[in-house]
Amino acid sequence: MGPAHGDWIGMMARVEIGLAGVAAADFRFVRHNAANETVPCALAAEGATFDRIAASSARLGATLTAEGDWARLKL
């Protein structure tokens, strides 16, 4: 019911915690639809954004890989 925001992209994180700390970390892109609801996006539809984030992550020593509609972070 809030005000509609412009074209934006966000992320929804999924983090698995084990006894030794973070076991896995993934994210999925989200956007607002016409009803102003936040909904998941297909990773293939956000290729340019994924590529830009993957390149930035690589400079920091991390690798992002596509697994379906989720991006998996590998340190």
Protein backbone atom coordinates (compact mmCIF):
# COMPACT_ATOMS: atom_id res chain seq x y z
CA MET A 1 0.00 0.00 0.00
CA GLY A 2 3.03 2.27 0.12
CA PRO A 3 4.20 4.55 -2.67
CA ALA A 4 5.56 2.88 -5.79
CA HIS A 5 9.29 3.26 -6.30
CA GLY A 6 11.06 3.56 -9.62
CA ASP A 7 12.89 0.81 -11.48
CA TRP A 8 15.22 -0.83 -8.99
CA ILE A 9 16.76 -4.22 -8.31
CA GLY A 10 17.36 -5.76 -4.92
CA MET A 11 18.66 -9.03 -3.50
CA MET A 12 17.21 -11.70 -1.28
CA ALA A 13 19.90 -13.61 0.61
CA ARG A 14 19.97 -17.24 1.73
CA VAL A 15 22.77 -18.08 4.18
CA GLU A 16 23.48 -21.50 5.70
CA ILE A 17 25.18 -21.41 9.09
CA GLY A 18 27.03 -24.44 10.43
CA LEU A 19 29.06 -25.12 13.55
CA ALA A 20 32.15 -23.67 11.87
CA GLY A 21 30.36 -20.52 10.68
CA VAL A 22 28.95 -19.69 7.25
CA ALA A 23 28.60 -22.90 5.24
CA ALA A 24 27.07 -21.37 2.09
CA ALA A 25 25.75 -18.04 0.85
CA ASP A 26 23.45 -17.38 -2.10
CA PHE A 27 21.37 -14.48 -3.35
CA ARG A 28 18.52 -13.97 -5.77
CA PHE A 29 17.52 -10.75 -7.50
CA VAL A 30 14.13 -9.18 -6.74
CA ARG A 31 12.14 -6.32 -8.26
CA HIS A 32 8.75 -4.68 -7.78
CA ASN A 33 5.88 -5.71 -10.05
CA ALA A 34 2.98 -3.55 -11.28
CA ALA A 35 1.12 -4.16 -7.98
CA ASN A 36 4.13 -2.78 -6.04
CA GLU A 37 4.93 -6.25 -4.67
CA THR A 38 8.51 -7.45 -4.30
CA VAL A 39 8.93 -10.58 -6.43
CA PRO A 40 11.88 -12.84 -7.37
CA CYS A 41 13.45 -12.40 -10.83
CA ALA A 42 14.90 -14.96 -13.19
CA LEU A 43 18.70 -14.72 -13.01
CA ALA A 44 18.90 -14.92 -16.82
CA ALA A 45 16.84 -11.71 -17.07
CA GLU A 46 19.38 -9.83 -14.93
CA GLY A 47 22.53 -10.93 -16.77
CA ALA A 48 24.20 -7.50 -16.99
CA THR A 49 23.68 -6.86 -13.27
CA PHE A 50 24.96 -10.33 -12.36
CA ASP A 51 28.05 -9.88 -14.57
CA ARG A 52 28.86 -6.50 -12.98
CA ILE A 53 28.54 -7.90 -9.43
CA ALA A 54 30.54 -11.02 -10.36
CA ALA A 55 33.39 -8.88 -11.74
CA SER A 56 33.46 -6.71 -8.61
CA SER A 57 33.41 -9.82 -6.41
CA ALA A 58 36.30 -11.38 -8.33
CA ARG A 59 38.49 -8.35 -7.59
CA LEU A 60 37.87 -9.10 -3.89
CA GLY A 61 38.77 -12.80 -4.28
CA ALA A 62 35.23 -14.21 -4.40
CA THR A 63 33.51 -16.12 -7.20
CA LEU A 64 29.83 -16.00 -8.08
CA THR A 65 28.30 -18.88 -9.99
CA ALA A 66 24.78 -19.19 -11.34
CA GLU A 67 22.74 -22.07 -9.93
CA GLY A 68 19.27 -21.83 -11.41
CA ASP A 69 17.85 -18.46 -10.41
CA TRP A 70 20.25 -18.16 -7.46
CA ALA A 71 23.84 -16.84 -7.45
CA ARG A 72 26.18 -18.83 -5.18
CA LEU A 73 29.11 -17.10 -3.46
CA LYS A 74 32.34 -19.11 -3.35
CA LEU A 75 35.24 -17.70 -1.33
